Amino acid sequence: MIEMEKLDKVKHRFEEVESLMADPEVANDPDRMRELGQEHSRLEEVVEAIDRYERLLEERDDLEEMVRDESGEMEDLAKDELEQLEKKLPAVEEDLKQKLIPKDPEDEKNAIVEIRAGAGGDEAALFAGDLFRLYTQYVKDHGWTYELIDASPGTQGGFREVIFGVKGEDVFGTLKYEAGVHRVQRVPETESSGRIHTSAATVAVLPEAEEVDVDINPSDLTIETFKATGPGGQSVNTTDSAVRIKHAPSGVEVSCQDEKSQHKNRAKAMRVLRSRVYEKKLEEQREEREEARRSMVGSGDRSAKIRTYNFPQDRVTDHRLEGDQKNHALQSVMDGELDMIIDALRAEEHAEKLANL
């Protein structure tokens, strides 16, 4: 049974939001109206579910009273209706619980994914390349699109660093579970003795910020141009097409050299910089709200190891899961089949939130 006091609080907040949106002073603030509009849309769905639930509870009370007070045909009819209602009530209650789970507004955003080779030298760069292929396949399988923003190739292949943007429905809310340290155990192609090496790559997933999400003053930016290095053609390496942007207040610095055009590199660098500054802002807000509390995906610190890809044992182990959900066939995961892992992580997160309702 859901506590009625919690439901009353939701309805009270819905009425409060409607009142605020009708306030002329608030109506003249586009940012505030946008924020309230989003909250109103979410709460409206929840209030409708609350109304359905409360109507069923009232019907149940009326039918129970009829069973107690009536006799004969009316009593039998009331019993039949009560039995049907009791079958319907659990599904309605579960639907309401799901809608009561606070939704992170960032989940609907597009994402910036950053993969960096960690410990392990050339093998770590090769593994970073494997992860890039894994994620781009996952993106294609879900009908999303991706755009390469910047890449620094490894000396033997793969990437020292690769950054790309992903666009689609609920992209950040899905890919955020991939943030952390990914460890690989296998015999490198460069290893002649057949010895197994352990290497790592880090994955960062940022909600892609729009201009309305974060206010960046142009006077706070230091912008430098320089010659691009690595593959890209003669014009890339002989002109100052690469761009480096630093945001003084946050200390965030971004470089981009993937495009031949300085303007395109600058635009891509600003996308990444805006998202990193936004993530920093969100993290500060989370710290203020939750203090030491951490979500089920760990501390939020990307240094936490989340997954091991063990090639000799043909197994991928996600260290955040337990039991049968923990281990998966390696080749399936390397082919981009991540839904079974992400769905399990999302279910655990929802179960934790439901327990706190």
Protein backbone atom coordinates (compact mmCIF):
# COMPACT_ATOMS: atom_id res chain seq x y z
CA MET A 1 0.00 0.00 0.00
CA ILE A 2 1.33 3.44 -0.97
CA GLU A 3 1.26 6.05 1.78
CA MET A 4 -1.59 8.46 1.02
CA GLU A 5 0.42 11.30 2.56
CA LYS A 6 2.98 10.96 -0.25
CA LEU A 7 0.23 11.06 -2.86
CA ASP A 8 -1.25 14.19 -1.28
CA LYS A 9 2.16 15.88 -1.47
CA VAL A 10 2.39 15.14 -5.19
CA LYS A 11 -1.07 16.58 -5.85
CA HIS A 12 -0.26 19.63 -3.75
CA ARG A 13 2.91 20.24 -5.74
CA PHE A 14 0.98 19.89 -9.01
CA GLU A 15 -1.49 22.56 -7.87
CA GLU A 16 1.44 24.73 -6.75
CA VAL A 17 3.12 24.45 -10.18
CA GLU A 18 -0.12 25.35 -11.95
CA SER A 19 -0.48 28.40 -9.71
CA LEU A 20 3.10 29.50 -10.39
CA MET A 21 2.63 29.15 -14.15
CA ALA A 22 -0.40 31.45 -13.93
CA ASP A 23 1.65 34.12 -12.12
CA PRO A 24 2.34 37.03 -14.57
CA GLU A 25 5.77 37.62 -13.08
CA VAL A 26 6.80 33.99 -13.63
CA ALA A 27 5.25 34.02 -17.12
CA ASN A 28 7.75 36.73 -18.11
CA ASP A 29 10.69 34.47 -17.22
CA PRO A 30 11.15 32.04 -20.18
CA ASP A 31 13.67 29.84 -18.37
CA ARG A 32 11.46 29.50 -15.29
CA MET A 33 8.40 28.78 -17.42
CA ARG A 34 10.29 26.13 -19.36
CA GLU A 35 11.36 24.48 -16.10
CA LEU A 36 7.84 24.60 -14.64
CA GLY A 37 6.34 23.36 -17.91
CA GLN A 38 8.51 20.26 -17.83
CA GLU A 39 7.60 19.60 -14.18
CA HIS A 40 3.91 20.16 -14.91
CA SER A 41 3.98 17.66 -17.78
CA ARG A 42 5.59 14.99 -15.59
CA LEU A 43 3.34 15.63 -12.59
CA GLU A 44 0.17 15.64 -14.70
CA GLU A 45 0.82 12.03 -15.68
CA VAL A 46 1.47 11.09 -12.05
CA VAL A 47 -1.68 12.84 -10.79
CA GLU A 48 -3.79 10.99 -13.39
CA ALA A 49 -2.34 7.70 -12.09
CA ILE A 50 -3.06 8.77 -8.50
CA ASP A 51 -6.68 9.54 -9.42
CA ARG A 52 -7.10 6.08 -11.00
CA TYR A 53 -5.62 4.43 -7.91
CA GLU A 54 -7.74 6.41 -5.45
CA ARG A 55 -10.94 5.72 -7.43
CA LEU A 56 -10.24 1.99 -7.22
CA LEU A 57 -9.66 2.23 -3.46
CA GLU A 58 -12.97 4.07 -3.04
CA GLU A 59 -14.75 1.46 -5.17
CA ARG A 60 -13.20 -1.28 -3.06
CA ASP A 61 -14.39 0.36 0.17
CA ASP A 62 -17.93 0.70 -1.25
CA LEU A 63 -18.00 -2.93 -2.41
CA GLU A 64 -16.67 -4.21 0.94
CA GLU A 65 -19.43 -2.26 2.67
CA MET A 66 -22.03 -3.79 0.33
CA VAL A 67 -20.72 -7.30 1.06
CA ARG A 68 -21.13 -6.61 4.78
CA ASP A 69 -24.54 -4.96 4.58
CA GLU A 70 -26.32 -6.70 1.71
CA SER A 71 -27.55 -10.26 1.29
CA GLY A 72 -28.70 -12.57 -1.45
CA GLU A 73 -28.22 -11.49 -5.08
CA MET A 74 -26.82 -8.04 -4.21
CA GLU A 75 -24.22 -9.57 -1.90
CA ASP A 76 -23.14 -12.06 -4.60
CA LEU A 77 -22.91 -9.29 -7.19
CA ALA A 78 -20.79 -7.16 -4.86
CA LYS A 79 -18.50 -10.12 -4.14
CA ASP A 80 -17.96 -10.74 -7.88
CA GLU A 81 -17.15 -7.09 -8.53
CA LEU A 82 -14.84 -6.96 -5.53
CA GLU A 83 -12.98 -10.03 -6.76
CA GLN A 84 -12.46 -8.44 -10.19
CA LEU A 85 -11.30 -5.17 -8.62
CA GLU A 86 -8.80 -6.95 -6.34
CA LYS A 87 -7.25 -8.54 -9.44
CA LYS A 88 -6.93 -5.16 -11.15
CA LEU A 89 -5.60 -3.17 -8.17
CA PRO A 90 -1.99 -4.57 -8.00
CA ALA A 91 -1.24 -3.58 -11.62
CA VAL A 92 -2.65 -0.08 -11.09
CA GLU A 93 -0.63 0.28 -7.88
CA GLU A 94 2.57 -0.89 -9.60
CA ASP A 95 2.00 1.55 -12.48
CA LEU A 96 1.59 4.37 -9.97
CA LYS A 97 4.77 3.37 -8.13
CA GLN A 98 6.72 3.45 -11.39
CA LYS A 99 5.37 6.90 -12.20
CA LEU A 100 6.22 8.14 -8.70
CA ILE A 101 9.92 7.33 -9.23
CA PRO A 102 11.63 10.70 -9.73
CA LYS A 103 12.79 11.01 -13.34
CA ASP A 104 16.14 12.55 -14.06
CA PRO A 105 15.46 15.27 -16.67
CA GLU A 106 18.94 14.66 -18.05
CA ASP A 107 17.98 11.12 -19.14
CA GLU A 108 16.20 12.41 -22.24
CA LYS A 109 19.23 14.35 -23.44
CA ASN A 110 21.71 13.37 -26.12
CA ALA A 111 25.14 12.32 -24.86
CA ILE A 112 28.84 12.99 -25.28
CA VAL A 113 30.87 9.79 -24.84
CA GLU A 114 34.60 9.97 -24.08
CA ILE A 115 36.76 6.83 -24.17
CA ARG A 116 40.37 7.05 -22.97
CA ALA A 117 43.08 4.40 -22.86
CA GLY A 118 44.24 3.75 -19.30
CA ALA A 119 46.94 1.49 -17.89
CA GLY A 120 48.33 -0.96 -20.42
CA GLY A 121 50.08 1.08 -23.12
CA ASP A 122 49.34 0.04 -26.72
CA GLU A 123 47.01 -2.75 -25.58
CA ALA A 124 44.88 -0.22 -23.66
CA ALA A 125 44.59 1.91 -26.82
CA LEU A 126 43.54 -1.16 -28.81
CA PHE A 127 40.91 -1.93 -26.17
CA ALA A 128 39.65 1.67 -26.33
CA GLY A 129 39.17 1.07 -30.06
CA ASP A 130 37.22 -2.12 -29.30
CA LEU A 131 34.94 -0.19 -26.95
CA PHE A 132 34.39 2.48 -29.60
CA ARG A 133 33.28 -0.19 -32.09
CA LEU A 134 31.08 -1.81 -29.42
CA TYR A 135 29.27 1.46 -28.67
CA THR A 136 28.87 2.58 -32.27
CA GLN A 137 27.29 -0.79 -33.08
CA TYR A 138 24.97 -0.41 -30.10
CA VAL A 139 24.04 3.08 -31.34
CA LYS A 140 23.23 1.76 -34.83
CA ASP A 141 21.18 -1.14 -33.44
CA HIS A 142 18.99 1.32 -31.52
CA GLY A 143 18.37 3.60 -34.47
CA TRP A 144 20.41 6.41 -32.94
CA THR A 145 23.13 8.38 -34.74
CA TYR A 146 26.67 9.28 -33.71
CA GLU A 147 29.19 11.89 -34.78
CA LEU A 148 32.92 11.69 -34.20
CA ILE A 149 34.06 14.81 -32.35
CA ASP A 150 37.76 14.16 -31.74
CA ALA A 151 40.19 11.24 -31.80
CA SER A 152 43.83 10.60 -30.92
CA PRO A 153 44.95 7.30 -32.52
CA GLY A 154 47.19 4.84 -30.68
CA THR A 155 50.61 4.00 -32.13
CA GLN A 156 49.59 0.37 -32.81
CA GLY A 157 45.91 1.08 -33.57
CA GLY A 158 42.89 1.89 -31.49
CA PHE A 159 42.74 5.22 -29.67
CA ARG A 160 44.52 7.02 -26.88
CA GLU A 161 41.32 9.06 -26.72
CA VAL A 162 38.12 9.20 -28.77
CA ILE A 163 35.14 11.51 -28.21
CA PHE A 164 31.82 11.22 -30.02
CA GLY A 165 28.29 12.55 -29.70
CA VAL A 166 25.18 10.35 -29.76
CA LYS A 167 21.71 11.59 -30.70
CA GLY A 168 18.42 9.77 -30.20
CA GLU A 169 15.65 9.03 -27.72
CA ASP A 170 16.67 8.66 -24.04
CA VAL A 171 20.33 8.39 -25.05
CA PHE A 172 21.93 9.68 -21.86
CA GLY A 173 19.48 7.76 -19.67
CA THR A 174 20.66 4.56 -21.35
CA LEU A 175 24.38 5.13 -21.89
CA LYS A 176 25.04 6.64 -18.44
CA TYR A 177 25.37 3.11 -17.02
CA GLU A 178 28.54 2.66 -19.10
CA ALA A 179 30.52 5.34 -17.25
CA GLY A 180 33.48 3.94 -15.35
CA VAL A 181 36.63 1.87 -15.77
CA HIS A 182 36.44 -1.07 -18.18
CA ARG A 183 39.15 -3.71 -17.67
CA VAL A 184 40.28 -6.24 -20.28
CA GLN A 185 42.22 -9.47 -19.73
CA ARG A 186 43.65 -11.10 -22.88
CA VAL A 187 46.80 -11.98 -24.79
CA PRO A 188 47.77 -8.86 -26.78
CA GLU A 189 48.53 -9.20 -30.49
CA THR A 190 52.00 -7.86 -29.73
CA GLU A 191 52.67 -10.52 -27.05
CA SER A 192 54.82 -13.34 -28.50
CA SER A 193 54.98 -15.46 -25.33
CA GLY A 194 51.20 -15.83 -25.02
CA ARG A 195 51.10 -14.13 -21.61
CA ILE A 196 47.76 -12.62 -20.54
CA HIS A 197 47.85 -8.87 -19.93
CA THR A 198 45.42 -6.73 -17.97
CA SER A 199 44.67 -3.30 -19.42
CA ALA A 200 41.98 -0.70 -18.91
CA ALA A 201 40.08 2.12 -20.55
CA THR A 202 37.84 4.74 -18.97
CA VAL A 203 34.43 5.70 -20.33
CA ALA A 204 32.81 9.03 -19.48
CA VAL A 205 29.20 9.72 -20.52
CA LEU A 206 28.01 13.32 -20.30
CA PRO A 207 24.52 14.72 -20.96
CA GLU A 208 24.92 17.01 -23.95
CA ALA A 209 24.12 20.50 -22.74
CA GLU A 210 22.16 23.00 -24.78
CA GLU A 211 22.88 26.71 -24.59
CA VAL A 212 19.86 27.22 -22.31
CA ASP A 213 21.26 24.66 -19.84
CA VAL A 214 24.46 26.47 -19.01
CA ASP A 215 25.45 30.12 -19.37
CA ILE A 216 28.99 30.47 -20.70
CA ASN A 217 30.33 34.01 -20.91
CA PRO A 218 32.55 34.41 -24.00
CA SER A 219 34.89 36.61 -21.94
CA ASP A 220 35.63 33.58 -19.72
CA LEU A 221 36.99 31.61 -22.69
CA THR A 222 40.57 31.41 -23.89
CA ILE A 223 40.69 30.12 -27.47
CA GLU A 224 43.89 28.96 -29.17
CA THR A 225 44.49 27.49 -32.61
CA PHE A 226 47.31 25.15 -33.60
CA LYS A 227 48.34 22.70 -36.29
CA ALA A 228 46.60 19.33 -36.11
CA THR A 229 48.68 16.22 -35.67
CA GLY A 230 48.25 12.67 -36.89
CA PRO A 231 46.09 11.40 -39.78
CA GLY A 232 43.84 13.77 -41.62
CA GLY A 233 45.46 14.87 -44.84
CA GLN A 234 47.96 17.50 -45.82
CA SER A 235 45.70 20.50 -45.24
CA VAL A 236 44.96 19.37 -41.68
CA ASN A 237 48.60 19.19 -40.72
CA THR A 238 49.78 22.41 -42.38
CA THR A 239 47.12 24.89 -41.25
CA ASP A 240 46.04 26.09 -37.80
CA SER A 241 42.78 24.14 -37.97
CA ALA A 242 42.92 22.57 -34.50
CA VAL A 243 41.26 24.44 -31.63
CA ARG A 244 41.83 24.48 -27.87
CA ILE A 245 39.28 26.20 -25.60
CA LYS A 246 39.66 26.80 -21.87
CA HIS A 247 36.84 27.94 -19.57
CA ALA A 248 38.45 29.95 -16.77
CA PRO A 249 35.75 29.68 -14.01
CA SER A 250 35.54 25.87 -14.16
CA GLY A 251 39.07 25.08 -15.38
CA VAL A 252 37.59 22.86 -18.12
CA GLU A 253 39.78 22.62 -21.22
CA VAL A 254 38.87 20.99 -24.54
CA SER A 255 40.82 20.40 -27.75
CA CYS A 256 39.44 19.34 -31.12
CA GLN A 257 41.34 18.64 -34.35
CA ASP A 258 39.22 16.06 -36.16
CA GLU A 259 37.88 18.44 -38.83
CA LYS A 260 39.86 20.27 -41.54
CA SER A 261 37.86 23.42 -40.80
CA GLN A 262 38.84 25.54 -37.82
CA HIS A 263 35.20 26.67 -37.49
CA LYS A 264 33.90 23.09 -37.34
CA ASN A 265 36.55 22.15 -34.76
CA ARG A 266 35.59 25.16 -32.69
CA ALA A 267 31.89 24.24 -32.82
CA LYS A 268 32.61 20.64 -31.78
CA ALA A 269 34.96 21.76 -29.00
CA MET A 270 32.25 24.08 -27.66
CA ARG A 271 29.76 21.16 -27.59
CA VAL A 272 32.13 19.13 -25.43
CA LEU A 273 33.12 22.08 -23.23
CA ARG A 274 29.50 23.05 -22.63
CA SER A 275 28.64 19.47 -21.66
CA ARG A 276 31.61 19.14 -19.30
CA VAL A 277 30.78 22.43 -17.58
CA TYR A 278 27.14 21.32 -17.35
CA GLU A 279 28.13 17.96 -15.86
CA LYS A 280 30.27 19.78 -13.29
CA LYS A 281 27.31 21.97 -12.38
CA LEU A 282 25.01 18.93 -12.05
CA GLU A 283 27.56 17.10 -9.92
CA GLU A 284 27.79 20.06 -7.55
CA GLN A 285 23.99 20.12 -7.28
CA ARG A 286 23.88 16.38 -6.58
CA GLU A 287 26.53 16.75 -3.88
CA GLU A 288 24.53 19.52 -2.22
CA ARG A 289 21.30 17.48 -2.32
CA GLU A 290 22.60 14.06 -1.44
CA GLU A 291 25.87 14.74 0.39
CA ALA A 292 27.49 11.34 0.90
CA ARG A 293 24.72 9.28 -0.71
CA ARG A 294 25.75 7.47 -3.89
CA SER A 295 23.63 5.72 -6.50
CA MET A 296 23.66 2.01 -7.26
CA VAL A 297 26.17 2.52 -10.08
CA GLY A 298 28.83 3.36 -7.52
CA SER A 299 30.24 6.55 -6.16
CA GLY A 300 29.84 8.49 -9.38
CA ASP A 301 33.63 8.61 -9.54
CA ARG A 302 34.69 7.28 -12.93
CA SER A 303 37.72 5.62 -11.35
CA ALA A 304 35.42 2.83 -10.08
CA LYS A 305 35.90 -0.43 -12.02
CA ILE A 306 32.55 -1.48 -13.40
CA ARG A 307 33.28 -4.32 -15.84
CA THR A 308 35.89 -6.92 -16.81
CA TYR A 309 36.21 -8.39 -20.32
CA ASN A 310 37.96 -11.75 -19.87
CA PHE A 311 38.90 -13.13 -23.30
CA PRO A 312 40.49 -16.45 -22.19
CA GLN A 313 37.30 -17.34 -20.30
CA ASP A 314 35.00 -15.88 -23.00
CA ARG A 315 33.17 -13.91 -20.33
CA VAL A 316 32.18 -10.34 -19.49
CA THR A 317 31.54 -9.64 -15.80
CA ASP A 318 29.68 -6.53 -14.66
CA HIS A 319 30.76 -5.97 -11.05
CA ARG A 320 27.65 -3.98 -10.16
CA LEU A 321 25.33 -6.95 -10.67
CA GLU A 322 24.82 -10.18 -8.76
CA GLY A 323 23.94 -13.80 -9.58
CA ASP A 324 22.96 -14.83 -13.09
CA GLN A 325 22.85 -11.22 -14.27
CA LYS A 326 26.54 -10.67 -13.53
CA ASN A 327 28.20 -12.71 -16.32
CA HIS A 328 27.58 -12.55 -20.08
CA ALA A 329 28.98 -14.08 -23.26
CA LEU A 330 31.94 -11.99 -24.33
CA GLN A 331 31.40 -12.01 -28.09
CA SER A 332 27.77 -10.93 -27.75
CA VAL A 333 28.79 -7.93 -25.67
CA MET A 334 31.66 -7.04 -28.04
CA ASP A 335 29.07 -7.09 -30.85
CA GLY A 336 27.13 -4.37 -29.07
CA GLU A 337 24.54 -6.48 -27.24
CA LEU A 338 24.41 -4.43 -24.03
CA ASP A 339 20.68 -4.31 -23.36
CA MET A 340 20.69 -7.29 -20.98
CA ILE A 341 23.26 -5.51 -18.78
CA ILE A 342 21.79 -2.02 -18.98
CA ASP A 343 18.24 -3.29 -18.37
CA ALA A 344 19.41 -5.15 -15.24
CA LEU A 345 21.19 -2.06 -13.91
CA ARG A 346 18.14 0.11 -14.62
CA ALA A 347 15.87 -2.42 -12.86
CA GLU A 348 18.08 -2.39 -9.76
CA GLU A 349 18.07 1.40 -9.71
CA HIS A 350 14.26 1.47 -9.97
CA ALA A 351 13.92 -1.18 -7.24
CA GLU A 352 16.05 0.92 -4.91
CA LYS A 353 13.99 4.02 -5.60
CA LEU A 354 10.73 2.12 -5.16
CA ALA A 355 11.92 0.85 -1.79
CA ASN A 356 12.34 4.46 -0.69
CA LEU A 357 8.86 5.59 -1.72
